[in-house]
Amino acid sequence: MNKELFLGKFSLGIALIVLSFLVAQIAKVTFFLYITDAAYRNGSIVLYVISWLLFVAGIWLVGREYYCSVKKYATLKFYHESVAEGTRKVAAKVLKKP
């Protein structure tokens, strides 16, 4: 897959996710401000559902590859290996000093 296209899909996916959060907040605010007006209330419910569709589309565009690449940073094994490697480097520097 073309890297530029891949980064474009990722950027568009992230933009859709952020946009979905903004749209959801606007929908919530209009729902509670105009709760007595049926048109605004129903419109804000529709807007909230649209925000979920934007969120799902953004997740789909971001893709499984980025999920797997980010998932490795959330494991205990990654942090254990990182600390062990850092400790080895520090120990090597300390032992080299006369």
N, C-alpha and C. Protein backbone atom coordinates (compact mmCIF):
# COMPACT_ATOMS: atom_id res chain seq x y z
N MET A 1 0.84 -1.18 0.00
CA MET A 1 0.00 0.00 0.00
C MET A 1 0.89 1.24 0.00
N ASN A 2 0.46 2.25 -0.71
CA ASN A 2 1.19 3.50 -0.81
C ASN A 2 1.23 4.20 0.55
N LYS A 3 2.43 4.60 0.99
CA LYS A 3 2.58 5.19 2.32
C LYS A 3 1.83 6.51 2.45
N GLU A 4 1.83 7.33 1.38
CA GLU A 4 1.12 8.60 1.43
C GLU A 4 -0.38 8.37 1.59
N LEU A 5 -0.91 7.38 0.87
CA LEU A 5 -2.33 7.05 0.99
C LEU A 5 -2.62 6.53 2.39
N PHE A 6 -1.71 5.72 2.92
CA PHE A 6 -1.89 5.15 4.25
C PHE A 6 -1.91 6.26 5.30
N LEU A 7 -0.99 7.21 5.21
CA LEU A 7 -0.96 8.32 6.15
C LEU A 7 -2.17 9.23 5.96
N GLY A 8 -2.63 9.37 4.74
CA GLY A 8 -3.82 10.17 4.48
C GLY A 8 -5.05 9.55 5.11
N LYS A 9 -5.17 8.22 5.00
CA LYS A 9 -6.29 7.53 5.63
C LYS A 9 -6.22 7.67 7.15
N PHE A 10 -5.02 7.57 7.69
CA PHE A 10 -4.85 7.69 9.13
C PHE A 10 -5.23 9.10 9.60
N SER A 11 -4.75 10.11 8.89
CA SER A 11 -5.06 11.50 9.26
C SER A 11 -6.55 11.78 9.15
N LEU A 12 -7.17 11.30 8.09
CA LEU A 12 -8.61 11.49 7.93
C LEU A 12 -9.37 10.76 9.03
N GLY A 13 -8.91 9.57 9.39
CA GLY A 13 -9.56 8.83 10.47
C GLY A 13 -9.47 9.55 11.80
N ILE A 14 -8.30 10.09 12.11
CA ILE A 14 -8.13 10.85 13.36
C ILE A 14 -9.00 12.11 13.33
N ALA A 15 -9.04 12.77 12.18
CA ALA A 15 -9.87 13.98 12.07
C ALA A 15 -11.35 13.64 12.27
N LEU A 16 -11.80 12.52 11.73
CA LEU A 16 -13.19 12.11 11.92
C LEU A 16 -13.49 11.78 13.38
N ILE A 17 -12.55 11.17 14.06
CA ILE A 17 -12.75 10.85 15.48
C ILE A 17 -12.86 12.14 16.30
N VAL A 18 -11.97 13.08 16.06
CA VAL A 18 -12.02 14.35 16.78
C VAL A 18 -13.31 15.10 16.44
N LEU A 19 -13.68 15.10 15.16
CA LEU A 19 -14.92 15.75 14.75
C LEU A 19 -16.14 15.11 15.40
N SER A 20 -16.10 13.80 15.56
CA SER A 20 -17.24 13.12 16.20
C SER A 20 -17.40 13.56 17.65
N PHE A 21 -16.29 13.76 18.35
CA PHE A 21 -16.38 14.25 19.73
C PHE A 21 -16.94 15.67 19.78
N LEU A 22 -16.52 16.51 18.85
CA LEU A 22 -17.04 17.88 18.81
C LEU A 22 -18.53 17.90 18.49
N VAL A 23 -18.94 17.11 17.51
CA VAL A 23 -20.35 17.06 17.13
C VAL A 23 -21.19 16.52 18.29
N ALA A 24 -20.68 15.52 18.99
CA ALA A 24 -21.42 14.96 20.12
C ALA A 24 -21.60 15.99 21.23
N GLN A 25 -20.57 16.78 21.49
CA GLN A 25 -20.69 17.81 22.52
C GLN A 25 -21.70 18.88 22.13
N ILE A 26 -21.68 19.27 20.87
CA ILE A 26 -22.66 20.25 20.38
C ILE A 26 -24.07 19.68 20.50
N ALA A 27 -24.23 18.41 20.16
CA ALA A 27 -25.55 17.78 20.25
C ALA A 27 -26.04 17.73 21.69
N LYS A 28 -25.13 17.42 22.62
CA LYS A 28 -25.53 17.37 24.03
C LYS A 28 -25.94 18.75 24.55
N VAL A 29 -25.17 19.75 24.18
CA VAL A 29 -25.48 21.11 24.65
C VAL A 29 -26.82 21.57 24.09
N THR A 30 -27.05 21.37 22.79
CA THR A 30 -28.33 21.80 22.22
C THR A 30 -29.49 20.99 22.78
N PHE A 31 -29.26 19.73 23.09
CA PHE A 31 -30.33 18.92 23.68
C PHE A 31 -30.77 19.48 25.02
N PHE A 32 -29.81 19.82 25.87
CA PHE A 32 -30.16 20.30 27.20
C PHE A 32 -30.60 21.76 27.22
N LEU A 33 -30.11 22.55 26.29
CA LEU A 33 -30.54 23.95 26.24
C LEU A 33 -31.96 24.10 25.72
N TYR A 34 -32.30 23.29 24.74
CA TYR A 34 -33.61 23.39 24.10
C TYR A 34 -34.43 22.11 24.32
N ILE A 35 -34.46 21.62 25.55
CA ILE A 35 -35.13 20.36 25.84
C ILE A 35 -36.65 20.46 25.66
N THR A 36 -37.21 21.66 25.78
CA THR A 36 -38.66 21.80 25.64
C THR A 36 -39.09 21.93 24.18
N ASP A 37 -38.18 22.30 23.30
CA ASP A 37 -38.51 22.44 21.88
C ASP A 37 -38.27 21.10 21.18
N ALA A 38 -39.33 20.52 20.64
CA ALA A 38 -39.24 19.18 20.04
C ALA A 38 -38.32 19.14 18.83
N ALA A 39 -38.32 20.19 18.02
CA ALA A 39 -37.49 20.20 16.82
C ALA A 39 -36.00 20.19 17.18
N TYR A 40 -35.59 21.04 18.11
CA TYR A 40 -34.19 21.06 18.53
C TYR A 40 -33.81 19.76 19.23
N ARG A 41 -34.71 19.26 20.06
CA ARG A 41 -34.43 18.02 20.80
C ARG A 41 -34.22 16.86 19.83
N ASN A 42 -35.13 16.70 18.88
CA ASN A 42 -35.01 15.61 17.91
C ASN A 42 -33.81 15.82 16.99
N GLY A 43 -33.56 17.06 16.62
CA GLY A 43 -32.38 17.35 15.79
C GLY A 43 -31.08 17.04 16.50
N SER A 44 -31.03 17.32 17.79
CA SER A 44 -29.80 17.03 18.53
C SER A 44 -29.62 15.52 18.71
N ILE A 45 -30.70 14.78 18.81
CA ILE A 45 -30.59 13.31 18.89
C ILE A 45 -30.05 12.76 17.58
N VAL A 46 -30.56 13.28 16.46
CA VAL A 46 -30.06 12.86 15.15
C VAL A 46 -28.59 13.23 15.01
N LEU A 47 -28.22 14.41 15.46
CA LEU A 47 -26.83 14.86 15.39
C LEU A 47 -25.93 13.96 16.24
N TYR A 48 -26.43 13.53 17.38
CA TYR A 48 -25.65 12.64 18.25
C TYR A 48 -25.43 11.29 17.58
N VAL A 49 -26.45 10.77 16.91
CA VAL A 49 -26.30 9.50 16.18
C VAL A 49 -25.30 9.66 15.04
N ILE A 50 -25.34 10.80 14.37
CA ILE A 50 -24.38 11.07 13.29
C ILE A 50 -22.96 11.12 13.85
N SER A 51 -22.80 11.64 15.07
CA SER A 51 -21.46 11.69 15.66
C SER A 51 -20.92 10.28 15.89
N TRP A 52 -21.79 9.34 16.24
CA TRP A 52 -21.34 7.96 16.39
C TRP A 52 -20.94 7.36 15.05
N LEU A 53 -21.67 7.70 14.01
CA LEU A 53 -21.30 7.21 12.68
C LEU A 53 -19.94 7.76 12.25
N LEU A 54 -19.70 9.03 12.55
CA LEU A 54 -18.38 9.62 12.26
C LEU A 54 -17.28 8.91 13.05
N PHE A 55 -17.57 8.59 14.30
CA PHE A 55 -16.60 7.90 15.15
C PHE A 55 -16.26 6.52 14.58
N VAL A 56 -17.27 5.77 14.19
CA VAL A 56 -17.04 4.43 13.63
C VAL A 56 -16.27 4.53 12.32
N ALA A 57 -16.61 5.49 11.48
CA ALA A 57 -15.88 5.67 10.22
C ALA A 57 -14.42 6.04 10.48
N GLY A 58 -14.17 6.86 11.48
CA GLY A 58 -12.79 7.22 11.83
C GLY A 58 -12.00 6.03 12.32
N ILE A 59 -12.62 5.21 13.17
CA ILE A 59 -11.96 4.00 13.66
C ILE A 59 -11.65 3.06 12.50
N TRP A 60 -12.58 2.93 11.56
CA TRP A 60 -12.37 2.05 10.42
C TRP A 60 -11.21 2.55 9.55
N LEU A 61 -11.10 3.86 9.37
CA LEU A 61 -10.02 4.41 8.55
C LEU A 61 -8.67 4.30 9.24
N VAL A 62 -8.64 4.44 10.56
CA VAL A 62 -7.37 4.33 11.28
C VAL A 62 -6.81 2.93 11.11
N GLY A 63 -7.65 1.94 11.21
CA GLY A 63 -7.28 0.58 10.85
C GLY A 63 -6.62 -0.24 11.93
N ARG A 64 -6.56 -1.51 11.63
CA ARG A 64 -6.02 -2.51 12.55
C ARG A 64 -4.50 -2.38 12.71
N GLU A 65 -3.81 -1.95 11.66
CA GLU A 65 -2.36 -1.84 11.74
C GLU A 65 -1.94 -0.86 12.83
N TYR A 66 -2.60 0.28 12.88
CA TYR A 66 -2.27 1.25 13.91
C TYR A 66 -2.70 0.77 15.28
N TYR A 67 -3.79 0.02 15.33
CA TYR A 67 -4.21 -0.56 16.60
C TYR A 67 -3.13 -1.49 17.13
N CYS A 68 -2.59 -2.34 16.26
CA CYS A 68 -1.55 -3.27 16.69
C CYS A 68 -0.26 -2.54 17.05
N SER A 69 0.07 -1.48 16.33
CA SER A 69 1.30 -0.75 16.64
C SER A 69 1.19 0.02 17.94
N VAL A 70 0.01 0.48 18.29
CA VAL A 70 -0.19 1.20 19.55
C VAL A 70 -0.36 0.22 20.70
N LYS A 71 -0.94 -0.93 20.42
CA LYS A 71 -1.21 -1.92 21.46
C LYS A 71 0.07 -2.40 22.13
N LYS A 72 1.16 -2.48 21.38
CA LYS A 72 2.41 -2.98 21.97
C LYS A 72 2.91 -2.07 23.09
N TYR A 73 2.57 -0.77 23.02
CA TYR A 73 3.00 0.15 24.07
C TYR A 73 2.16 0.03 25.33
N ALA A 74 1.07 -0.68 25.26
CA ALA A 74 0.19 -0.83 26.41
C ALA A 74 0.42 -2.15 27.15
N THR A 75 1.45 -2.88 26.78
CA THR A 75 1.71 -4.16 27.43
C THR A 75 2.79 -4.01 28.48
N LEU A 76 2.70 -4.85 29.48
CA LEU A 76 3.70 -4.85 30.55
C LEU A 76 5.05 -5.33 30.03
N LYS A 77 5.04 -6.25 29.06
CA LYS A 77 6.28 -6.78 28.50
C LYS A 77 7.11 -5.65 27.86
N PHE A 78 6.46 -4.73 27.15
CA PHE A 78 7.17 -3.63 26.52
C PHE A 78 7.89 -2.77 27.56
N TYR A 79 7.19 -2.42 28.63
CA TYR A 79 7.79 -1.58 29.66
C TYR A 79 8.88 -2.33 30.42
N HIS A 80 8.71 -3.62 30.63
CA HIS A 80 9.74 -4.41 31.29
C HIS A 80 11.01 -4.44 30.45
N GLU A 81 10.87 -4.68 29.15
CA GLU A 81 12.03 -4.70 28.26
C GLU A 81 12.68 -3.33 28.18
N SER A 82 11.89 -2.28 28.17
CA SER A 82 12.42 -0.92 28.10
C SER A 82 13.23 -0.58 29.34
N VAL A 83 12.70 -0.93 30.51
CA VAL A 83 13.42 -0.66 31.76
C VAL A 83 14.68 -1.50 31.84
N ALA A 84 14.61 -2.76 31.42
CA ALA A 84 15.78 -3.63 31.47
C ALA A 84 16.88 -3.11 30.55
N GLU A 85 16.51 -2.67 29.35
CA GLU A 85 17.51 -2.14 28.42
C GLU A 85 18.13 -0.85 28.96
N GLY A 86 17.31 0.03 29.52
CA GLY A 86 17.83 1.27 30.09
C GLY A 86 18.76 1.00 31.26
N THR A 87 18.42 0.02 32.08
CA THR A 87 19.27 -0.34 33.21
C THR A 87 20.61 -0.88 32.74
N ARG A 88 20.58 -1.69 31.68
CA ARG A 88 21.84 -2.22 31.14
C ARG A 88 22.72 -1.09 30.61
N LYS A 89 22.14 -0.11 29.95
CA LYS A 89 22.92 1.01 29.41
C LYS A 89 23.55 1.83 30.54
N VAL A 90 22.77 2.09 31.58
CA VAL A 90 23.30 2.86 32.71
C VAL A 90 24.40 2.08 33.40
N ALA A 91 24.19 0.79 33.59
CA ALA A 91 25.20 -0.04 34.25
C ALA A 91 26.49 -0.07 33.43
N ALA A 92 26.37 -0.14 32.11
CA ALA A 92 27.55 -0.15 31.26
C ALA A 92 28.31 1.17 31.36
N LYS A 93 27.60 2.30 31.43
CA LYS A 93 28.26 3.59 31.56
C LYS A 93 28.95 3.73 32.91
N VAL A 94 28.29 3.26 33.95
CA VAL A 94 28.87 3.37 35.30
C VAL A 94 30.10 2.49 35.42
N LEU A 95 30.05 1.30 34.86
CA LEU A 95 31.18 0.38 34.96
C LEU A 95 32.36 0.82 34.10
N LYS A 96 32.12 1.58 33.03
CA LYS A 96 33.20 2.06 32.19
C LYS A 96 33.99 3.17 32.85
N LYS A 97 33.35 3.97 33.70
CA LYS A 97 34.05 5.07 34.34
C LYS A 97 35.10 4.52 35.30
N PRO A 98 36.34 5.03 35.16
CA PRO A 98 37.38 4.55 36.09
C PRO A 98 37.33 5.26 37.42
